Protein backbone atom coordinates (compact mmCIF):
# COMPACT_ATOMS: atom_id res chain seq x y z
CA MET A 1 -80.82 39.53 -55.38
CA GLU A 2 -82.68 41.21 -58.07
CA TYR A 3 -86.04 39.86 -57.19
CA ALA A 4 -88.14 41.59 -59.89
CA ASP A 5 -85.78 40.67 -62.71
CA LEU A 6 -85.29 37.26 -61.32
CA SER A 7 -89.15 36.54 -61.20
CA ASP A 8 -89.47 37.87 -64.71
CA PHE A 9 -86.59 35.87 -66.16
CA LEU A 10 -87.80 32.63 -64.62
CA ARG A 11 -91.40 33.27 -65.64
CA LYS A 12 -90.32 34.09 -69.33
CA ARG A 13 -88.02 31.19 -69.67
CA ARG A 14 -90.70 28.80 -68.24
CA GLU A 15 -93.39 30.09 -70.66
CA ALA A 16 -90.95 29.69 -73.61
CA LEU A 17 -90.79 25.94 -73.06
CA GLN A 18 -93.43 23.43 -74.12
CA PRO A 19 -94.11 20.02 -72.43
CA GLU A 20 -92.78 18.19 -75.61
CA ASP A 21 -89.43 20.09 -75.17
CA VAL A 22 -88.65 18.45 -71.87
CA GLY A 23 -90.13 14.92 -72.59
CA MET A 24 -93.54 15.56 -70.88
CA PRO A 25 -96.90 14.72 -71.94
CA ARG A 26 -99.05 17.92 -72.93
CA GLY A 27 -102.32 16.57 -71.43
CA ARG A 28 -105.74 18.28 -71.91
CA ARG A 29 -107.01 21.63 -70.56
CA ARG A 30 -103.66 23.44 -70.83
CA ARG A 31 -104.19 27.06 -70.39
CA THR A 32 -100.77 28.06 -69.09
CA PRO A 33 -98.41 29.24 -72.09
CA GLY A 34 -95.43 26.99 -71.87
CA LEU A 35 -94.68 24.80 -68.81
CA ARG A 36 -96.56 24.98 -65.55
CA ARG A 37 -94.81 25.91 -62.40
CA GLU A 38 -95.25 22.43 -60.91
CA GLU A 39 -93.70 20.88 -63.99
CA VAL A 40 -90.67 22.94 -63.64
CA ALA A 41 -90.43 21.98 -60.00
CA VAL A 42 -90.60 18.14 -60.94
CA LEU A 43 -87.89 18.74 -63.40
CA ALA A 44 -85.62 20.46 -60.83
CA SER A 45 -86.48 17.95 -58.10
CA MET A 46 -87.82 20.72 -55.82
CA SER A 47 -91.22 21.35 -54.27
CA THR A 48 -93.80 23.26 -56.27
CA ASP A 49 -94.17 25.86 -53.40
CA TYR A 50 -90.52 26.59 -53.33
CA TYR A 51 -90.30 27.18 -57.07
CA SER A 52 -93.42 29.14 -57.04
CA ARG A 53 -92.24 31.51 -54.27
CA LEU A 54 -88.87 31.94 -56.08
CA GLU A 55 -90.63 32.83 -59.33
CA GLY A 56 -93.14 35.02 -57.50
CA GLY A 57 -90.23 37.11 -55.96
CA ARG A 58 -91.06 35.98 -52.38
CA GLY A 59 -88.56 33.16 -51.78
CA PRO A 60 -85.20 33.22 -49.99
CA GLN A 61 -81.95 33.47 -51.94
CA PRO A 62 -81.50 29.98 -53.57
CA SER A 63 -78.33 28.06 -53.22
CA VAL A 64 -76.02 27.31 -56.10
CA GLU A 65 -77.12 23.80 -56.25
CA MET A 66 -80.74 24.95 -56.53
CA LEU A 67 -79.94 27.37 -59.34
CA GLY A 68 -77.96 24.74 -61.19
CA ALA A 69 -81.06 22.33 -60.99
CA ILE A 70 -83.35 25.18 -62.07
CA ALA A 71 -81.03 26.03 -65.06
CA ARG A 72 -81.19 22.41 -66.17
CA ALA A 73 -85.01 22.19 -65.78
CA LEU A 74 -85.49 25.34 -67.91
CA ARG A 75 -82.88 24.22 -70.47
CA LEU A 76 -80.84 27.34 -70.17
CA THR A 77 -77.93 27.91 -72.27
CA LEU A 78 -74.49 28.66 -70.50
CA GLU A 79 -74.95 32.33 -71.02
CA GLU A 80 -78.54 32.24 -69.68
CA ARG A 81 -77.32 30.15 -66.56
CA ASP A 82 -74.65 32.95 -65.84
CA HIS A 83 -77.37 35.54 -65.94
CA LEU A 84 -79.57 33.52 -63.63
CA PHE A 85 -76.79 33.26 -61.14
CA VAL A 86 -76.12 36.94 -61.22
CA LEU A 87 -79.86 37.84 -60.94
CA ALA A 88 -79.81 35.47 -57.68
CA GLY A 89 -76.86 37.39 -56.22
CA HIS A 90 -74.16 34.72 -56.55
CA GLY A 91 -72.25 36.20 -59.44
CA VAL A 92 -71.06 34.31 -62.48
CA PRO A 93 -69.92 30.77 -61.61
CA PRO A 94 -66.53 29.66 -62.80
CA ARG A 95 -66.45 27.81 -66.08
CA THR A 96 -64.16 25.00 -65.04
CA THR A 97 -63.55 21.34 -66.19
CA ARG A 98 -65.82 20.27 -63.37
CA ALA A 99 -68.67 21.49 -65.16
CA CYS A 100 -72.24 20.79 -63.73
CA HIS A 101 -74.19 22.79 -66.36
CA VAL A 102 -75.85 20.66 -69.08
CA ASP A 103 -75.92 21.88 -72.68
CA PRO A 104 -79.57 22.11 -73.89
CA GLY A 105 -78.90 20.12 -76.87
CA MET A 106 -77.65 17.13 -74.53
CA LEU A 107 -80.74 17.56 -72.40
CA ARG A 108 -82.93 17.23 -75.54
CA ILE A 109 -81.22 13.91 -76.08
CA MET A 110 -82.06 12.80 -72.68
CA ASP A 111 -85.51 14.14 -72.96
CA ARG A 112 -85.93 11.46 -75.76
CA LEU A 113 -84.50 8.71 -73.57
CA GLN A 114 -87.01 9.12 -70.70
CA ASP A 115 -87.74 5.22 -70.77
CA THR A 116 -83.97 4.43 -71.02
CA PRO A 117 -81.51 4.44 -68.22
CA ALA A 118 -79.07 7.17 -69.00
CA LEU A 119 -76.95 9.51 -66.98
CA LEU A 120 -74.57 12.53 -67.71
CA LEU A 121 -71.37 12.66 -65.86
CA ASN A 122 -68.65 15.34 -65.65
CA ARG A 123 -64.86 14.65 -65.35
CA CYS A 124 -64.91 14.11 -61.68
CA GLY A 125 -67.64 11.37 -61.80
CA GLU A 126 -70.45 13.68 -60.55
CA THR A 127 -73.92 12.83 -61.94
CA VAL A 128 -75.42 16.09 -63.30
CA ALA A 129 -78.42 14.64 -64.96
CA GLN A 130 -80.51 11.45 -65.06
CA THR A 131 -83.39 10.09 -67.04
CA PRO A 132 -86.37 8.89 -64.84
CA ALA A 133 -85.55 5.40 -66.03
CA HIS A 134 -82.05 5.74 -64.58
CA ILE A 135 -83.32 6.90 -61.21
CA ALA A 136 -85.70 3.81 -61.21
CA PHE A 137 -82.66 1.65 -62.10
CA ALA A 138 -79.94 3.15 -59.90
CA GLY A 139 -81.49 5.60 -57.43
CA GLU A 140 -81.31 9.36 -57.44
CA GLN A 141 -77.63 10.51 -57.86
CA THR A 142 -77.86 14.28 -58.14
CA ASN A 143 -78.74 15.28 -54.66
CA PHE A 144 -75.36 14.67 -52.88
CA GLU A 145 -73.15 17.34 -51.44
CA GLY A 146 -69.35 17.89 -51.16
CA MET A 147 -67.06 14.83 -52.27
CA GLU A 148 -70.05 12.56 -52.02
CA ARG A 149 -71.34 14.11 -55.40
CA SER A 150 -68.57 11.94 -56.98
CA GLU A 151 -69.37 8.24 -57.84
CA VAL A 152 -65.66 7.58 -57.33
CA TYR A 153 -65.85 8.80 -53.76
CA ARG A 154 -69.10 7.08 -52.94
CA TRP A 155 -67.80 3.79 -54.44
CA PHE A 156 -64.96 3.44 -52.15
CA VAL A 157 -66.14 5.17 -49.04
CA HIS A 158 -69.70 3.60 -49.07
CA PRO A 159 -69.24 0.25 -50.60
CA GLU A 160 -72.79 -0.82 -49.52
CA ARG A 161 -73.95 1.34 -52.58
CA ARG A 162 -72.42 -1.26 -54.90
CA ALA A 163 -75.20 -3.61 -54.59
CA LEU A 164 -76.41 -3.02 -58.03
CA TYR A 165 -73.25 -4.59 -59.55
CA GLN A 166 -72.35 -8.20 -59.88
CA GLU A 167 -68.93 -9.80 -60.18
CA PRO A 168 -66.90 -9.58 -62.29
CA GLU A 169 -68.48 -6.08 -62.90
CA LEU A 170 -67.63 -5.10 -59.31
CA SER A 171 -64.01 -5.43 -59.80
CA ARG A 172 -63.87 -3.92 -63.28
CA HIS A 173 -65.83 -0.98 -62.11
CA SER A 174 -63.59 -0.28 -59.22
CA ARG A 175 -60.62 -0.25 -61.60
CA LEU A 176 -62.47 1.88 -64.08
CA LEU A 177 -63.25 4.55 -61.50
CA VAL A 178 -59.69 4.75 -60.21
CA SER A 179 -58.38 4.96 -63.96
CA LEU A 180 -60.89 7.89 -64.70
CA ILE A 181 -60.10 9.92 -61.64
CA ARG A 182 -56.30 9.31 -62.46
CA VAL A 183 -56.66 10.72 -65.87
CA THR A 184 -58.70 13.80 -64.63
CA ALA A 185 -56.26 14.60 -61.82
CA THR A 186 -53.26 14.17 -64.01
CA ALA A 187 -54.77 16.60 -66.58
CA ASP A 188 -56.06 19.13 -64.19
CA GLY A 189 -52.87 19.22 -61.86
CA PRO A 190 -52.10 18.63 -58.23
CA LYS A 191 -54.14 21.46 -56.87
CA SER A 192 -57.36 20.44 -58.72
CA TYR A 193 -60.54 19.03 -57.16
CA ALA A 194 -59.89 15.74 -58.81
CA ALA A 195 -56.56 15.56 -57.02
CA SER A 196 -58.14 16.38 -53.83
CA ILE A 197 -60.52 13.44 -54.24
CA VAL A 198 -57.47 11.25 -54.88
CA SER A 199 -55.70 12.48 -51.75
CA THR A 200 -58.74 11.90 -49.66
CA LEU A 201 -59.41 8.49 -50.95
CA GLN A 202 -55.91 7.30 -50.48
CA LYS A 203 -56.28 8.01 -46.83
CA GLU A 204 -59.80 6.71 -46.40
CA SER A 205 -59.88 3.59 -48.57
CA PRO A 206 -57.23 1.01 -48.53
CA GLU A 207 -58.91 -0.44 -51.56
CA PHE A 208 -58.61 2.66 -53.60
CA ALA A 209 -54.83 3.01 -52.54
CA GLU A 210 -54.04 -0.47 -53.65
CA ILE A 211 -55.71 0.01 -57.00
CA TRP A 212 -54.11 3.48 -57.43
CA ASP A 213 -50.54 1.98 -56.80
CA ARG A 214 -51.13 -0.33 -59.86
CA HIS A 215 -50.98 2.79 -62.09
CA GLU A 216 -53.58 1.35 -64.60
CA VAL A 217 -55.11 3.29 -67.42
CA ILE A 218 -57.88 1.23 -68.90
CA PRO A 219 -60.76 1.75 -71.38
CA ALA A 220 -63.59 3.92 -70.32
CA HIS A 221 -66.37 1.33 -70.10
CA SER A 222 -66.85 -2.42 -70.92
CA ARG A 223 -69.34 -3.15 -73.64
CA THR A 224 -71.64 -5.30 -71.63
CA LYS A 225 -72.32 -5.08 -67.84
CA GLN A 226 -74.04 -7.29 -65.38
CA PHE A 227 -76.33 -6.01 -62.81
CA ARG A 228 -78.74 -7.20 -60.03
CA HIS A 229 -81.67 -4.87 -59.45
CA PRO A 230 -83.71 -5.09 -56.21
CA VAL A 231 -87.09 -5.13 -58.02
CA VAL A 232 -86.55 -6.67 -61.50
CA GLY A 233 -83.57 -8.91 -60.72
CA GLU A 234 -80.55 -9.75 -62.94
CA LEU A 235 -79.91 -7.66 -65.98
CA GLU A 236 -77.36 -7.87 -68.88
CA LEU A 237 -77.08 -4.41 -70.37
CA TYR A 238 -75.05 -2.79 -73.25
CA CYS A 239 -73.19 0.36 -72.22
CA GLU A 240 -72.94 3.24 -74.78
CA VAL A 241 -70.89 6.43 -74.14
CA ILE A 242 -71.29 9.72 -75.93
CA ASN A 243 -68.72 12.38 -75.29
CA ASN A 244 -69.66 16.13 -75.02
CA ALA A 245 -66.39 17.69 -75.73
CA ASP A 246 -67.58 21.34 -75.24
CA GLN A 247 -68.75 20.68 -71.72
CA GLN A 248 -66.25 17.79 -71.06
CA GLN A 249 -69.08 15.57 -69.91
CA ILE A 250 -70.11 11.96 -70.96
CA LEU A 251 -73.53 10.53 -71.58
CA VAL A 252 -73.83 6.89 -70.50
CA VAL A 253 -76.69 4.99 -71.87
CA PHE A 254 -77.87 1.55 -70.96
CA THR A 255 -79.78 -0.71 -73.41
CA ALA A 256 -80.75 -4.41 -73.79
CA GLU A 257 -80.88 -6.92 -76.54
CA PRO A 258 -84.26 -6.52 -78.25
CA GLY A 259 -86.76 -9.16 -77.19
CA SER A 260 -84.56 -10.39 -74.28
CA GLU A 261 -85.58 -10.82 -70.74
CA SER A 262 -83.45 -7.82 -69.84
CA ALA A 263 -85.25 -5.71 -72.43
CA GLU A 264 -88.63 -6.49 -70.73
CA LYS A 265 -87.17 -5.64 -67.35
CA LEU A 266 -85.85 -2.34 -68.62
CA ARG A 267 -89.42 -1.65 -70.10
CA LEU A 268 -90.77 -2.04 -66.61
CA LEU A 269 -88.21 0.36 -65.12
CA GLY A 270 -89.11 2.83 -67.81
CA VAL A 271 -92.77 2.60 -66.74
CA LEU A 272 -91.68 3.20 -63.22
CA GLY A 273 -89.62 6.26 -64.09
CA SER A 274 -92.41 7.59 -66.12
CA GLN A 275 -94.91 7.24 -63.50
CA SER A 276 -92.55 9.08 -61.06
CA MET A 277 -92.26 12.14 -63.35
CA SER A 278 -95.94 12.36 -64.29
CA SER A 279 -97.01 12.19 -60.59
CA GLY A 280 -94.39 14.82 -59.54
CA GLN A 281 -92.95 12.59 -56.87
CA ASP A 282 -89.44 11.64 -56.29
CA PHE A 283 -88.57 8.02 -57.06
CA ARG A 284 -85.66 7.26 -54.85
CA ARG A 285 -84.62 3.65 -53.94
CA GLU A 286 -81.87 3.00 -51.52
CA LEU A 287 -79.72 0.18 -53.12
CA ILE A 288 -78.36 -1.62 -50.15
């Protein structure tokens, strides 16, 4: 690790960001140029002490996952992210189709959707970013490891996590996930990460194997979806999908009919998510 250069790089990138750039309120009595360390820590879902020690050149070598979270928090470009990884002693990460880096432009869109449930997925179904409202809506989805990072894997191996969905959305979503991982595995080849997810699920989930054998390729998402949230109850939401061709990621945004009961419930979830971010505490709810 290049401790001095890493410390300088993190500090300079932090000072270059303003609260408004990341969807945070400026507040009063702000003497620090740019963001505060605790604000970066909140954005990266890590403790302020950990980030402060790292920026101060005193912390241990951060993991790849930690560096990815910091890169997203600081809105780094792909080139800046690569530089961060080199400074931290990991070398330049491969730029594969299983991209977990988020383009700063896409993050700026998400920053303006703080009170709207929205998440960014890569081609293997891994959540690489969420708005606070989406965390309040569906729980934290960026802190899994291994194959459990993929929603496809979690859906079929841990079916208790499906509690947010109602029929007939449950069946449709199962077919959708199998179709999406099929398209990715076919495009990436039999030795790809997506293909390894398929192989594992064929062994571990009879339900996945049965749907896989149908060989369906279906549209990406239904226009409307039915949910049952443990706090606000039933929701009917519209699903909008924005493709980021450069990063091969999709932004999924959930909205409700203006003036509807679902819209009021989303407003409440947006408040819960905003309170979570402003307090610097994780808002994780186990949906079982």
